[in-house]
Structures are given as structure tokens and as C-alpha cells.
């Protein structure tokens, strides 16, 4: 825990069924390429650490004690609350990549968290984030959400933090996508108007630190 005590938040029931599916995590690492040290920002119960490729070290960060207890079974975890305005407790330019899956929508000041992501990445490092679309059924079905994002807002958020945005794709829980091996094709399938309207729920941004 890096010498820091976890805050007294414990939403165990909330995290049931929210972990990243292994097939999705494998797709994340395919997109990130050759990385060795990865920060999982808002790690939840540790789905990224659990399914990370052999040889990749993942450090999980979350503010919730229940999440940290779960993620701690798979690797190192550190308590950090982005809304407290503190810097991430790591050296600058340390990580090859940062994954932020479904976390920025929970924050009062997500731009501060994105700037911290930028600061702990080495030059050339990648940030991969999944962020809910600004659709009422997506944003307000989770009582902990503060906001949703348009594609333009996602892009500007990362540009203002100093990133070069490589792509912003639609993502969502396409039926049987994992079982049929279609996760890689999801961004293209969700461009179809009918699939976009029914199944697209989030933006997935891939950005690089110059």
C-alpha cells in the first residue's frame, strides 16, 4: 500500500460484475503493444492485473477499500483519491502505459486525473481510457457517475493535458462479442447506425505522450 492507509469506503456489492472481462483486457494489451510497467487507474477489483500478459507488471490505484482488497490478490495496489487534488504517488515518467477503464466519469475534476496520467508516463507512453458516452441511459444507470462525454469532449480532455490523441473509438457490450472473438472488430461494427444506437455505450481513447 506504499505506506498509505486506504480510505474508509467499501462498496463491495457495487463491484460485483464490474471487472474487466479477460478478452477485453487482452485486447487492451494488444493495442498498447510492448509495455512492461502499467498503471491501472481506478483498478476496481483487479480485472486488468488478473488478465495481464505474463511479464507485464500492473500497479492498481483506487480510492475504495473494497476495490483495493480485491485487486490486491493479483498484484500491488496503492490508495489514491483523484478528487483530493494530490499527485499520484509515483515518480514522474515511470510507466509505459496507463489504463483508465470507467473511472473519469466518477470524478469532479477529471482533467486533473488526466494530467496526472500524463505526468507519470514516460515519453512515448500510452494512455488507454474507456469513458461513458453522454447518453442518459449510460450515464445515469450508475449512481456514482458525475458526467458523460461526447467524442469532442474526450478528445479535448486529452489534448489539453498534453497528449497526442491517436484514436477515439466507440465501444460497448456487443452480444457474444467475447465468445465469438469480435472484440477487436467492435469499434467498426458500432459505426453501423443500428448497432451504435443500441449497443454503443462508451468512448475508448488511445493517446500518446510526446
N, C-alpha and C. Protein backbone atom coordinates (compact mmCIF):
# COMPACT_ATOMS: atom_id res chain seq x y z
N UNK A 1 0.81 -1.22 0.00
CA UNK A 1 0.00 0.00 0.00
C UNK A 1 0.84 1.27 0.00
N UNK A 2 2.14 1.16 -0.16
CA UNK A 2 3.04 2.30 -0.30
C UNK A 2 3.00 3.22 0.93
N UNK A 3 2.70 2.61 2.10
CA UNK A 3 2.70 3.37 3.34
C UNK A 3 1.47 4.23 3.54
N UNK A 4 0.48 4.14 2.67
CA UNK A 4 -0.71 4.98 2.80
C UNK A 4 -1.89 4.11 3.21
N UNK A 5 -2.71 4.63 4.11
CA UNK A 5 -3.89 3.90 4.54
C UNK A 5 -5.02 4.13 3.57
N UNK A 6 -5.78 3.07 3.28
CA UNK A 6 -6.91 3.19 2.37
C UNK A 6 -8.04 3.96 3.03
N UNK A 7 -8.79 4.72 2.28
CA UNK A 7 -9.92 5.46 2.84
C UNK A 7 -11.03 4.49 3.26
N UNK A 8 -11.95 4.94 4.14
CA UNK A 8 -12.94 4.04 4.70
C UNK A 8 -14.14 3.80 3.79
N UNK A 9 -13.94 3.80 2.47
CA UNK A 9 -15.02 3.50 1.53
C UNK A 9 -14.96 2.02 1.22
N UNK A 10 -16.11 1.37 1.12
CA UNK A 10 -16.10 -0.07 0.88
C UNK A 10 -17.39 -0.44 0.16
N UNK A 11 -17.37 -0.45 -1.19
CA UNK A 11 -18.57 -0.73 -1.99
C UNK A 11 -18.45 -2.13 -2.59
N UNK A 12 -18.41 -3.13 -1.76
CA UNK A 12 -18.19 -4.49 -2.27
C UNK A 12 -19.27 -4.90 -3.26
N UNK A 13 -20.53 -4.65 -2.92
CA UNK A 13 -21.62 -5.07 -3.80
C UNK A 13 -21.54 -4.35 -5.14
N UNK A 14 -21.10 -3.10 -5.12
CA UNK A 14 -21.01 -2.31 -6.35
C UNK A 14 -20.09 -2.95 -7.37
N UNK A 15 -19.03 -3.58 -6.91
CA UNK A 15 -18.02 -4.11 -7.83
C UNK A 15 -18.36 -5.49 -8.39
N UNK A 16 -19.43 -6.11 -7.91
CA UNK A 16 -19.80 -7.42 -8.44
C UNK A 16 -20.18 -7.28 -9.91
N UNK A 17 -19.50 -8.02 -10.76
CA UNK A 17 -19.83 -8.00 -12.17
C UNK A 17 -19.26 -6.82 -12.93
N UNK A 18 -18.42 -5.98 -12.28
CA UNK A 18 -17.88 -4.81 -12.96
C UNK A 18 -16.44 -5.02 -13.44
N UNK A 19 -15.85 -6.15 -13.14
CA UNK A 19 -14.47 -6.37 -13.55
C UNK A 19 -14.33 -6.45 -15.07
N UNK A 20 -13.15 -6.07 -15.55
CA UNK A 20 -12.90 -6.12 -16.98
C UNK A 20 -12.82 -7.56 -17.45
N UNK A 21 -13.60 -7.96 -18.48
CA UNK A 21 -13.52 -9.33 -18.99
C UNK A 21 -12.11 -9.62 -19.51
N UNK A 22 -11.60 -10.83 -19.30
CA UNK A 22 -10.25 -11.16 -19.75
C UNK A 22 -10.03 -10.90 -21.24
N UNK A 23 -11.05 -11.18 -22.06
CA UNK A 23 -10.89 -10.96 -23.50
C UNK A 23 -10.68 -9.47 -23.81
N UNK A 24 -11.36 -8.61 -23.07
CA UNK A 24 -11.20 -7.17 -23.27
C UNK A 24 -9.82 -6.72 -22.81
N UNK A 25 -9.35 -7.25 -21.70
CA UNK A 25 -8.02 -6.89 -21.22
C UNK A 25 -6.96 -7.32 -22.22
N UNK A 26 -7.11 -8.49 -22.79
CA UNK A 26 -6.15 -8.92 -23.80
C UNK A 26 -6.15 -7.97 -25.00
N UNK A 27 -7.32 -7.47 -25.37
CA UNK A 27 -7.39 -6.51 -26.47
C UNK A 27 -6.72 -5.19 -26.08
N UNK A 28 -6.89 -4.77 -24.83
CA UNK A 28 -6.20 -3.57 -24.36
C UNK A 28 -4.69 -3.71 -24.56
N UNK A 29 -4.14 -4.84 -24.13
CA UNK A 29 -2.69 -5.01 -24.22
C UNK A 29 -2.23 -5.19 -25.67
N UNK A 30 -3.08 -5.73 -26.51
CA UNK A 30 -2.71 -5.77 -27.93
C UNK A 30 -2.57 -4.35 -28.48
N UNK A 31 -3.47 -3.47 -28.09
CA UNK A 31 -3.42 -2.09 -28.58
C UNK A 31 -2.24 -1.33 -27.97
N UNK A 32 -1.86 -1.67 -26.76
CA UNK A 32 -0.75 -0.97 -26.11
C UNK A 32 0.60 -1.43 -26.65
N UNK A 33 0.68 -2.64 -27.18
CA UNK A 33 1.94 -3.14 -27.73
C UNK A 33 2.90 -3.58 -26.64
N UNK A 34 4.19 -3.32 -26.83
CA UNK A 34 5.23 -3.79 -25.91
C UNK A 34 5.32 -2.85 -24.71
N UNK A 35 4.70 -3.24 -23.62
CA UNK A 35 4.76 -2.47 -22.37
C UNK A 35 5.14 -3.42 -21.24
N UNK A 36 5.82 -2.87 -20.24
CA UNK A 36 6.30 -3.71 -19.15
C UNK A 36 5.78 -3.26 -17.79
N UNK A 37 5.54 -1.96 -17.64
CA UNK A 37 5.04 -1.43 -16.38
C UNK A 37 3.81 -0.58 -16.67
N UNK A 38 2.67 -0.99 -16.10
CA UNK A 38 1.38 -0.38 -16.44
C UNK A 38 0.68 0.07 -15.16
N UNK A 39 0.15 1.27 -15.18
CA UNK A 39 -0.67 1.78 -14.08
C UNK A 39 -2.14 1.57 -14.43
N UNK A 40 -2.87 0.90 -13.55
CA UNK A 40 -4.31 0.69 -13.72
C UNK A 40 -5.03 1.68 -12.82
N UNK A 41 -5.44 2.80 -13.39
CA UNK A 41 -6.04 3.89 -12.63
C UNK A 41 -7.53 3.62 -12.44
N UNK A 42 -7.96 3.54 -11.17
CA UNK A 42 -9.32 3.13 -10.89
C UNK A 42 -9.46 1.64 -11.12
N UNK A 43 -8.61 0.87 -10.46
CA UNK A 43 -8.44 -0.56 -10.78
C UNK A 43 -9.64 -1.42 -10.43
N UNK A 44 -10.57 -0.93 -9.58
CA UNK A 44 -11.69 -1.78 -9.20
C UNK A 44 -11.19 -3.07 -8.58
N UNK A 45 -11.85 -4.18 -8.86
CA UNK A 45 -11.46 -5.45 -8.24
C UNK A 45 -10.27 -6.14 -8.88
N UNK A 46 -9.58 -5.49 -9.82
CA UNK A 46 -8.32 -6.03 -10.31
C UNK A 46 -8.38 -6.82 -11.59
N UNK A 47 -9.37 -6.57 -12.43
CA UNK A 47 -9.51 -7.33 -13.67
C UNK A 47 -8.32 -7.19 -14.60
N UNK A 48 -7.71 -6.00 -14.66
CA UNK A 48 -6.56 -5.80 -15.54
C UNK A 48 -5.35 -6.58 -15.03
N UNK A 49 -5.08 -6.50 -13.74
CA UNK A 49 -3.95 -7.25 -13.17
C UNK A 49 -4.13 -8.75 -13.34
N UNK A 50 -5.36 -9.21 -13.16
CA UNK A 50 -5.63 -10.65 -13.23
C UNK A 50 -5.38 -11.21 -14.62
N UNK A 51 -5.67 -10.44 -15.66
CA UNK A 51 -5.59 -10.95 -17.03
C UNK A 51 -4.41 -10.38 -17.82
N UNK A 52 -3.50 -9.68 -17.14
CA UNK A 52 -2.36 -9.09 -17.84
C UNK A 52 -1.44 -10.18 -18.40
N UNK A 53 -0.79 -9.91 -19.53
CA UNK A 53 0.14 -10.90 -20.10
C UNK A 53 1.29 -11.21 -19.15
N UNK A 54 1.83 -12.38 -19.28
CA UNK A 54 2.97 -12.78 -18.48
C UNK A 54 4.13 -11.82 -18.73
N UNK A 55 4.79 -11.37 -17.67
CA UNK A 55 5.91 -10.47 -17.80
C UNK A 55 5.56 -9.01 -17.68
N UNK A 56 4.26 -8.67 -17.70
CA UNK A 56 3.82 -7.29 -17.56
C UNK A 56 3.45 -7.05 -16.09
N UNK A 57 4.02 -6.01 -15.51
CA UNK A 57 3.70 -5.67 -14.13
C UNK A 57 2.66 -4.57 -14.12
N UNK A 58 1.58 -4.80 -13.38
CA UNK A 58 0.49 -3.84 -13.27
C UNK A 58 0.39 -3.38 -11.82
N UNK A 59 0.34 -2.07 -11.62
CA UNK A 59 0.10 -1.49 -10.30
C UNK A 59 -1.28 -0.86 -10.31
N UNK A 60 -2.14 -1.29 -9.41
CA UNK A 60 -3.51 -0.78 -9.35
C UNK A 60 -3.65 0.36 -8.38
N UNK A 61 -4.48 1.34 -8.75
CA UNK A 61 -4.74 2.51 -7.91
C UNK A 61 -6.25 2.68 -7.81
N UNK A 62 -6.74 2.89 -6.59
CA UNK A 62 -8.16 3.14 -6.38
C UNK A 62 -8.33 3.85 -5.05
N UNK A 63 -9.50 4.46 -4.85
CA UNK A 63 -9.76 5.12 -3.57
C UNK A 63 -10.60 4.26 -2.64
N UNK A 64 -11.14 3.17 -3.16
CA UNK A 64 -12.11 2.36 -2.41
C UNK A 64 -11.44 1.14 -1.78
N UNK A 65 -11.65 0.97 -0.48
CA UNK A 65 -11.01 -0.13 0.23
C UNK A 65 -11.45 -1.49 -0.29
N UNK A 66 -12.74 -1.63 -0.59
CA UNK A 66 -13.23 -2.90 -1.12
C UNK A 66 -12.57 -3.26 -2.43
N UNK A 67 -12.39 -2.25 -3.31
CA UNK A 67 -11.71 -2.49 -4.58
C UNK A 67 -10.27 -2.90 -4.35
N UNK A 68 -9.58 -2.21 -3.46
CA UNK A 68 -8.17 -2.50 -3.21
C UNK A 68 -7.98 -3.88 -2.61
N UNK A 69 -8.91 -4.30 -1.76
CA UNK A 69 -8.81 -5.64 -1.19
C UNK A 69 -8.93 -6.70 -2.27
N UNK A 70 -9.82 -6.47 -3.23
CA UNK A 70 -9.96 -7.43 -4.32
C UNK A 70 -8.78 -7.42 -5.25
N UNK A 71 -8.36 -6.24 -5.69
CA UNK A 71 -7.25 -6.13 -6.63
C UNK A 71 -5.93 -6.56 -6.02
N UNK A 72 -5.81 -6.41 -4.71
CA UNK A 72 -4.56 -6.79 -4.03
C UNK A 72 -4.25 -8.26 -4.11
N UNK A 73 -5.22 -9.07 -4.48
CA UNK A 73 -4.96 -10.51 -4.64
C UNK A 73 -4.16 -10.80 -5.90
N UNK A 74 -4.09 -9.83 -6.82
CA UNK A 74 -3.44 -10.07 -8.10
C UNK A 74 -2.18 -9.26 -8.32
N UNK A 75 -1.88 -8.33 -7.43
CA UNK A 75 -0.69 -7.52 -7.60
C UNK A 75 -0.66 -6.37 -6.63
N UNK A 76 0.29 -5.48 -6.81
CA UNK A 76 0.45 -4.34 -5.93
C UNK A 76 -0.67 -3.34 -6.14
N UNK A 77 -1.17 -2.77 -5.05
CA UNK A 77 -2.20 -1.74 -5.12
C UNK A 77 -1.81 -0.57 -4.23
N UNK A 78 -2.29 0.61 -4.60
CA UNK A 78 -1.98 1.84 -3.87
C UNK A 78 -3.27 2.64 -3.74
N UNK A 79 -3.52 3.18 -2.54
CA UNK A 79 -4.69 4.02 -2.31
C UNK A 79 -4.42 5.43 -2.80
N UNK A 80 -5.34 5.95 -3.62
CA UNK A 80 -5.23 7.33 -4.12
C UNK A 80 -6.60 7.81 -4.54
N UNK A 81 -6.95 9.01 -4.10
CA UNK A 81 -8.24 9.61 -4.45
C UNK A 81 -7.98 10.79 -5.36
N UNK A 82 -8.40 10.69 -6.62
CA UNK A 82 -8.14 11.74 -7.59
C UNK A 82 -8.82 13.05 -7.22
N UNK A 83 -9.93 12.99 -6.50
CA UNK A 83 -10.65 14.21 -6.18
C UNK A 83 -10.06 14.97 -4.99
N UNK A 84 -9.02 14.43 -4.38
CA UNK A 84 -8.37 15.15 -3.28
C UNK A 84 -7.33 16.14 -3.76
N UNK A 85 -7.03 16.13 -5.06
CA UNK A 85 -6.09 17.09 -5.60
C UNK A 85 -4.63 16.77 -5.37
N UNK A 86 -4.33 15.56 -4.91
CA UNK A 86 -2.94 15.17 -4.68
C UNK A 86 -2.35 14.54 -5.94
N UNK A 87 -1.04 14.58 -6.04
CA UNK A 87 -0.36 13.94 -7.17
C UNK A 87 -0.34 12.44 -6.97
N UNK A 88 -0.28 11.71 -8.05
CA UNK A 88 -0.10 10.26 -7.96
C UNK A 88 1.22 9.96 -7.24
N UNK A 89 1.22 8.99 -6.34
CA UNK A 89 2.40 8.72 -5.51
C UNK A 89 3.45 7.86 -6.21
N UNK A 90 3.86 8.32 -7.41
CA UNK A 90 4.87 7.60 -8.19
C UNK A 90 5.83 8.62 -8.80
N UNK A 91 7.04 8.19 -9.12
CA UNK A 91 7.96 9.09 -9.80
C UNK A 91 7.40 9.51 -11.16
N UNK A 92 7.76 10.71 -11.57
CA UNK A 92 7.36 11.19 -12.89
C UNK A 92 8.02 10.33 -13.96
N UNK A 93 7.33 10.17 -15.09
CA UNK A 93 7.85 9.45 -16.27
C UNK A 93 8.27 8.01 -15.94
N UNK A 94 7.47 7.33 -15.15
CA UNK A 94 7.82 5.97 -14.73
C UNK A 94 7.18 4.88 -15.58
N UNK A 95 5.91 5.08 -16.01
CA UNK A 95 5.13 3.98 -16.58
C UNK A 95 5.17 3.98 -18.11
N UNK A 96 5.09 2.76 -18.66
CA UNK A 96 4.98 2.60 -20.11
C UNK A 96 3.57 2.90 -20.60
N UNK A 97 2.57 2.63 -19.75
CA UNK A 97 1.17 2.84 -20.14
C UNK A 97 0.32 3.06 -18.91
N UNK A 98 -0.78 3.75 -19.11
CA UNK A 98 -1.81 3.91 -18.08
C UNK A 98 -3.14 3.46 -18.68
N UNK A 99 -3.84 2.60 -17.96
CA UNK A 99 -5.19 2.20 -18.33
C UNK A 99 -6.15 2.84 -17.34
N UNK A 100 -7.16 3.52 -17.86
CA UNK A 100 -8.18 4.14 -17.01
C UNK A 100 -9.55 3.68 -17.52
N UNK A 101 -9.99 2.57 -17.04
CA UNK A 101 -11.25 1.99 -17.52
C UNK A 101 -12.40 2.43 -16.62
N UNK A 102 -13.31 3.21 -17.18
CA UNK A 102 -14.54 3.61 -16.49
C UNK A 102 -14.24 4.28 -15.15
N UNK A 103 -13.37 5.29 -15.18
CA UNK A 103 -13.03 6.00 -13.94
C UNK A 103 -13.26 7.51 -14.05
N UNK A 104 -12.97 8.11 -15.20
CA UNK A 104 -13.01 9.57 -15.30
C UNK A 104 -14.41 10.14 -15.09
N UNK A 105 -15.43 9.36 -15.41
CA UNK A 105 -16.81 9.82 -15.23
C UNK A 105 -17.23 9.93 -13.77
N UNK A 106 -16.42 9.38 -12.87
CA UNK A 106 -16.72 9.41 -11.44
C UNK A 106 -16.12 10.63 -10.74
N UNK A 107 -15.33 11.42 -11.46
CA UNK A 107 -14.53 12.46 -10.82
C UNK A 107 -15.13 13.85 -11.00
N UNK A 108 -14.94 14.70 -9.98
CA UNK A 108 -15.35 16.10 -10.10
C UNK A 108 -14.46 16.84 -11.09
N UNK A 109 -13.16 16.52 -11.10
CA UNK A 109 -12.20 17.21 -11.95
C UNK A 109 -11.39 16.18 -12.74
N UNK A 110 -12.01 15.56 -13.75
CA UNK A 110 -11.29 14.51 -14.49
C UNK A 110 -10.04 15.03 -15.20
N UNK A 111 -10.02 16.32 -15.53
CA UNK A 111 -8.85 16.88 -16.19
C UNK A 111 -7.60 16.81 -15.32
N UNK A 112 -7.77 16.90 -13.99
CA UNK A 112 -6.62 16.75 -13.10
C UNK A 112 -6.06 15.34 -13.16
N UNK A 113 -6.95 14.34 -13.21
CA UNK A 113 -6.51 12.95 -13.28
C UNK A 113 -5.79 12.68 -14.60
N UNK A 114 -6.28 13.25 -15.70
CA UNK A 114 -5.63 13.02 -16.99
C UNK A 114 -4.25 13.67 -17.01
N UNK A 115 -4.11 14.83 -16.39
CA UNK A 115 -2.79 15.45 -16.31
C UNK A 115 -1.84 14.61 -15.47
N UNK A 116 -2.35 13.97 -14.42
CA UNK A 116 -1.51 13.08 -13.63
C UNK A 116 -1.11 11.84 -14.43
N UNK A 117 -2.02 11.33 -15.24
CA UNK A 117 -1.68 10.22 -16.12
C UNK A 117 -0.51 10.62 -17.03
N UNK A 118 -0.59 11.82 -17.57
CA UNK A 118 0.46 12.32 -18.46
C UNK A 118 1.79 12.42 -17.71
N UNK A 119 1.74 12.88 -16.48
CA UNK A 119 2.98 13.13 -15.74
C UNK A 119 3.73 11.86 -15.37
N UNK A 120 3.01 10.76 -15.13
CA UNK A 120 3.70 9.53 -14.72
C UNK A 120 4.08 8.65 -15.91
N UNK A 121 3.68 9.03 -17.12
CA UNK A 121 4.05 8.28 -18.30
C UNK A 121 5.44 8.71 -18.79
N UNK A 122 6.20 7.75 -19.26
CA UNK A 122 7.47 8.08 -19.92
C UNK A 122 7.15 8.72 -21.28
N UNK A 123 8.08 9.48 -21.85
CA UNK A 123 7.86 9.99 -23.20
C UNK A 123 7.60 8.85 -24.18
N UNK A 124 6.57 8.98 -24.97
CA UNK A 124 6.16 7.92 -25.88
C UNK A 124 5.19 6.94 -25.25
N UNK A 125 4.93 7.08 -23.94
CA UNK A 125 4.00 6.18 -23.27
C UNK A 125 2.56 6.41 -23.70
N UNK A 126 1.73 5.40 -23.49
CA UNK A 126 0.35 5.41 -23.97
C UNK A 126 -0.65 5.44 -22.83
N UNK A 127 -1.73 6.16 -23.05
CA UNK A 127 -2.89 6.13 -22.16
C UNK A 127 -4.05 5.54 -22.92
N UNK A 128 -4.72 4.58 -22.30
CA UNK A 128 -5.91 3.97 -22.88
C UNK A 128 -7.03 4.11 -21.86
N UNK A 129 -8.08 4.82 -22.25
CA UNK A 129 -9.18 5.10 -21.32
C UNK A 129 -10.51 4.77 -21.94
N UNK A 130 -11.40 4.22 -21.13
CA UNK A 130 -12.78 3.95 -21.52
C UNK A 130 -13.67 4.91 -20.74
N UNK A 131 -14.52 5.67 -21.47
CA UNK A 131 -15.28 6.76 -20.87
C UNK A 131 -16.72 6.71 -21.38
N UNK A 132 -17.74 6.76 -20.51
CA UNK A 132 -19.12 6.66 -20.96
C UNK A 132 -19.54 7.78 -21.90
N UNK A 133 -20.35 7.41 -22.88
CA UNK A 133 -20.94 8.41 -23.77
C UNK A 133 -21.96 9.26 -23.01
N UNK A 134 -22.21 10.44 -23.54
CA UNK A 134 -23.18 11.36 -22.94
C UNK A 134 -24.59 10.96 -23.35
N UNK A 135 -24.98 9.75 -22.98
CA UNK A 135 -26.33 9.26 -23.23
C UNK A 135 -26.98 8.97 -21.89
N UNK A 136 -28.18 9.50 -21.63
CA UNK A 136 -28.78 9.35 -20.30
C UNK A 136 -28.81 7.92 -19.79
N UNK A 137 -29.16 6.97 -20.64
CA UNK A 137 -29.26 5.58 -20.18
C UNK A 137 -27.91 5.02 -19.76
N UNK A 138 -26.83 5.59 -20.30
CA UNK A 138 -25.49 5.16 -19.94
C UNK A 138 -25.00 5.86 -18.68
N UNK A 139 -25.18 7.17 -18.65
CA UNK A 139 -24.62 7.96 -17.54
C UNK A 139 -25.36 7.71 -16.24
N UNK A 140 -26.69 7.73 -16.29
CA UNK A 140 -27.44 7.77 -15.03
C UNK A 140 -27.91 6.41 -14.54
N UNK A 141 -27.51 5.33 -15.21
CA UNK A 141 -27.76 4.00 -14.67
C UNK A 141 -26.79 3.63 -13.56
N UNK A 142 -25.78 4.45 -13.33
CA UNK A 142 -24.80 4.23 -12.26
C UNK A 142 -24.86 5.43 -11.33
N UNK A 143 -25.22 5.19 -10.07
CA UNK A 143 -25.42 6.30 -9.15
C UNK A 143 -24.14 7.03 -8.79
N UNK A 144 -22.97 6.47 -9.12
CA UNK A 144 -21.71 7.13 -8.81
C UNK A 144 -21.18 8.00 -9.96
N UNK A 145 -21.86 7.98 -11.10
CA UNK A 145 -21.41 8.79 -12.23
C UNK A 145 -21.68 10.28 -11.98
N UNK A 146 -20.75 11.11 -12.45
CA UNK A 146 -20.90 12.56 -12.37
C UNK A 146 -21.24 13.17 -13.73
N UNK A 147 -20.85 12.47 -14.83
CA UNK A 147 -21.00 13.07 -16.16
C UNK A 147 -20.82 12.00 -17.23
N UNK A 148 -21.21 12.35 -18.45
CA UNK A 148 -20.85 11.60 -19.64
C UNK A 148 -20.06 12.50 -20.57
N UNK A 149 -19.58 11.97 -21.68
CA UNK A 149 -18.69 12.72 -22.56
C UNK A 149 -19.11 12.53 -24.02
N UNK A 150 -19.00 13.59 -24.80
CA UNK A 150 -19.09 13.46 -26.24
C UNK A 150 -17.71 13.10 -26.78
N UNK A 151 -17.65 12.68 -28.04
CA UNK A 151 -16.36 12.38 -28.66
C UNK A 151 -15.45 13.61 -28.64
N UNK A 152 -16.02 14.78 -28.96
CA UNK A 152 -15.21 16.00 -28.99
C UNK A 152 -14.66 16.33 -27.60
N UNK A 153 -15.46 16.11 -26.55
CA UNK A 153 -15.00 16.41 -25.19
C UNK A 153 -13.88 15.47 -24.78
N UNK A 154 -13.99 14.19 -25.13
CA UNK A 154 -12.93 13.23 -24.81
C UNK A 154 -11.62 13.66 -25.47
N UNK A 155 -11.71 13.99 -26.73
CA UNK A 155 -10.51 14.38 -27.47
C UNK A 155 -9.86 15.63 -26.85
N UNK A 156 -10.68 16.63 -26.55
CA UNK A 156 -10.14 17.87 -25.99
C UNK A 156 -9.55 17.65 -24.60
N UNK A 157 -10.18 16.79 -23.82
CA UNK A 157 -9.68 16.48 -22.47
C UNK A 157 -8.24 16.00 -22.51
N UNK A 158 -7.94 15.12 -23.45
CA UNK A 158 -6.58 14.57 -23.52
C UNK A 158 -5.62 15.53 -24.22
N UNK A 159 -6.09 16.26 -25.20
CA UNK A 159 -5.23 17.26 -25.85
C UNK A 159 -4.81 18.33 -24.85
N UNK A 160 -5.73 18.78 -24.02
CA UNK A 160 -5.40 19.83 -23.06
C UNK A 160 -4.42 19.36 -22.00
N UNK A 161 -4.35 18.05 -21.76
CA UNK A 161 -3.39 17.50 -20.80
C UNK A 161 -2.02 17.27 -21.41
N UNK A 162 -1.86 17.54 -22.71
CA UNK A 162 -0.56 17.39 -23.36
C UNK A 162 -0.39 16.15 -24.18
N UNK A 163 -1.46 15.36 -24.35
CA UNK A 163 -1.38 14.14 -25.13
C UNK A 163 -1.56 14.40 -26.62
N UNK A 164 -1.07 13.47 -27.42
CA UNK A 164 -1.44 13.37 -28.82
C UNK A 164 -2.49 12.26 -28.92
N UNK A 165 -3.68 12.59 -29.39
CA UNK A 165 -4.76 11.62 -29.46
C UNK A 165 -4.64 10.83 -30.75
N UNK A 166 -4.49 9.51 -30.61
CA UNK A 166 -4.34 8.66 -31.79
C UNK A 166 -5.67 8.15 -32.32
N UNK A 167 -6.62 7.87 -31.43
CA UNK A 167 -7.92 7.40 -31.90
C UNK A 167 -8.93 7.51 -30.77
N UNK A 168 -10.19 7.73 -31.15
CA UNK A 168 -11.31 7.69 -30.21
C UNK A 168 -12.37 6.81 -30.86
N UNK A 169 -12.60 5.64 -30.31
CA UNK A 169 -13.49 4.64 -30.90
C UNK A 169 -14.74 4.44 -30.05
N UNK A 170 -15.81 4.01 -30.72
CA UNK A 170 -16.99 3.55 -30.00
C UNK A 170 -16.74 2.15 -29.44
N UNK A 171 -17.24 1.92 -28.23
CA UNK A 171 -17.19 0.57 -27.66
C UNK A 171 -18.51 0.30 -26.94
N UNK A 172 -18.77 -0.98 -26.69
CA UNK A 172 -19.99 -1.35 -26.00
C UNK A 172 -20.12 -2.86 -25.91
N UNK A 173 -21.05 -3.34 -25.10
CA UNK A 173 -21.21 -4.77 -24.85
C UNK A 173 -21.97 -5.47 -25.97
N UNK A 174 -21.35 -5.62 -27.12
CA UNK A 174 -21.99 -6.34 -28.22
C UNK A 174 -22.27 -7.78 -27.81
N UNK A 175 -23.47 -8.28 -28.05
CA UNK A 175 -23.79 -9.65 -27.65
C UNK A 175 -22.83 -10.66 -28.29
N UNK A 176 -22.31 -11.55 -27.47
CA UNK A 176 -21.45 -12.66 -27.91
C UNK A 176 -20.12 -12.19 -28.51
N UNK A 177 -19.79 -10.91 -28.36
CA UNK A 177 -18.55 -10.41 -28.97
C UNK A 177 -17.33 -11.13 -28.41
N UNK A 178 -17.29 -11.32 -27.09
CA UNK A 178 -16.15 -12.01 -26.50
C UNK A 178 -16.09 -13.47 -26.93
N UNK A 179 -17.25 -14.14 -26.90
CA UNK A 179 -17.27 -15.56 -27.24
C UNK A 179 -16.92 -15.81 -28.69
N UNK A 180 -17.32 -14.89 -29.56
CA UNK A 180 -17.06 -15.06 -31.00
C UNK A 180 -15.77 -14.39 -31.46
N UNK A 181 -15.02 -13.81 -30.51
CA UNK A 181 -13.77 -13.17 -30.88
C UNK A 181 -13.94 -11.89 -31.67
N UNK A 182 -15.00 -11.13 -31.38
CA UNK A 182 -15.30 -9.93 -32.15
C UNK A 182 -14.95 -8.64 -31.43
N UNK A 183 -14.28 -8.72 -30.28
CA UNK A 183 -13.98 -7.50 -29.54
C UNK A 183 -13.11 -6.57 -30.37
N UNK A 184 -12.16 -7.12 -31.11
CA UNK A 184 -11.28 -6.29 -31.93
C UNK A 184 -12.08 -5.55 -33.00
N UNK A 185 -13.15 -6.17 -33.48
CA UNK A 185 -13.96 -5.57 -34.54
C UNK A 185 -15.05 -4.64 -34.01
N UNK A 186 -15.25 -4.59 -32.70
CA UNK A 186 -16.35 -3.81 -32.13
C UNK A 186 -16.35 -2.35 -32.57
N UNK A 187 -15.21 -1.64 -32.56
CA UNK A 187 -15.27 -0.23 -32.98
C UNK A 187 -15.81 -0.03 -34.39
N UNK A 188 -15.53 -0.95 -35.29
CA UNK A 188 -16.02 -0.84 -36.66
C UNK A 188 -17.48 -1.25 -36.75
N UNK A 189 -17.88 -2.32 -36.04
CA UNK A 189 -19.27 -2.75 -36.05
C UNK A 189 -20.18 -1.69 -35.46
N UNK A 190 -19.70 -0.98 -34.43
CA UNK A 190 -20.53 0.02 -33.77
C UNK A 190 -20.65 1.32 -34.55
N UNK A 191 -19.99 1.39 -35.70
CA UNK A 191 -20.23 2.53 -36.59
C UNK A 191 -21.56 2.39 -37.32
N UNK A 192 -22.07 1.18 -37.41
CA UNK A 192 -23.35 0.96 -38.06
C UNK A 192 -24.45 1.62 -37.23
N UNK A 193 -25.31 2.42 -37.83
CA UNK A 193 -26.28 3.22 -37.06
C UNK A 193 -27.11 2.41 -36.06
N UNK A 194 -27.62 1.26 -36.48
CA UNK A 194 -28.48 0.48 -35.57
C UNK A 194 -27.68 -0.04 -34.39
N UNK A 195 -26.51 -0.61 -34.65
CA UNK A 195 -25.68 -1.13 -33.55
C UNK A 195 -25.19 -0.01 -32.65
N UNK A 196 -24.87 1.13 -33.25
CA UNK A 196 -24.42 2.27 -32.46
C UNK A 196 -25.52 2.71 -31.49
N UNK A 197 -26.73 2.80 -31.98
CA UNK A 197 -27.82 3.30 -31.15
C UNK A 197 -28.15 2.36 -30.00
N UNK A 198 -28.06 1.06 -30.26
CA UNK A 198 -28.48 0.07 -29.25
C UNK A 198 -27.35 -0.32 -28.31
N UNK A 199 -26.13 -0.49 -28.85
CA UNK A 199 -25.07 -1.12 -28.06
C UNK A 199 -23.89 -0.22 -27.72
N UNK A 200 -23.68 0.86 -28.42
CA UNK A 200 -22.53 1.72 -28.09
C UNK A 200 -22.78 2.44 -26.77
N UNK A 201 -21.86 2.32 -25.84
CA UNK A 201 -22.02 2.92 -24.51
C UNK A 201 -20.85 3.78 -24.09
N UNK A 202 -19.69 3.60 -24.71
CA UNK A 202 -18.51 4.32 -24.24
C UNK A 202 -17.60 4.71 -25.39
N UNK A 203 -16.71 5.66 -25.08
CA UNK A 203 -15.62 6.03 -25.97
C UNK A 203 -14.35 5.40 -25.45
N UNK A 204 -13.57 4.86 -26.35
CA UNK A 204 -12.26 4.34 -25.96
C UNK A 204 -11.20 5.18 -26.64
N UNK A 205 -10.42 5.89 -25.84
CA UNK A 205 -9.41 6.80 -26.37
C UNK A 205 -8.02 6.19 -26.17
N UNK A 206 -7.23 6.27 -27.20
CA UNK A 206 -5.82 5.87 -27.14
C UNK A 206 -5.00 7.12 -27.43
N UNK A 207 -4.18 7.53 -26.46
CA UNK A 207 -3.42 8.76 -26.59
C UNK A 207 -1.98 8.52 -26.19
N UNK A 208 -1.08 9.28 -26.78
CA UNK A 208 0.36 9.11 -26.55
C UNK A 208 0.97 10.38 -25.97
N UNK A 209 1.87 10.19 -25.02
CA UNK A 209 2.64 11.32 -24.51
C UNK A 209 3.81 11.59 -25.44
N UNK A 210 3.93 12.79 -25.98
CA UNK A 210 5.01 13.07 -26.92
C UNK A 210 6.40 12.84 -26.32
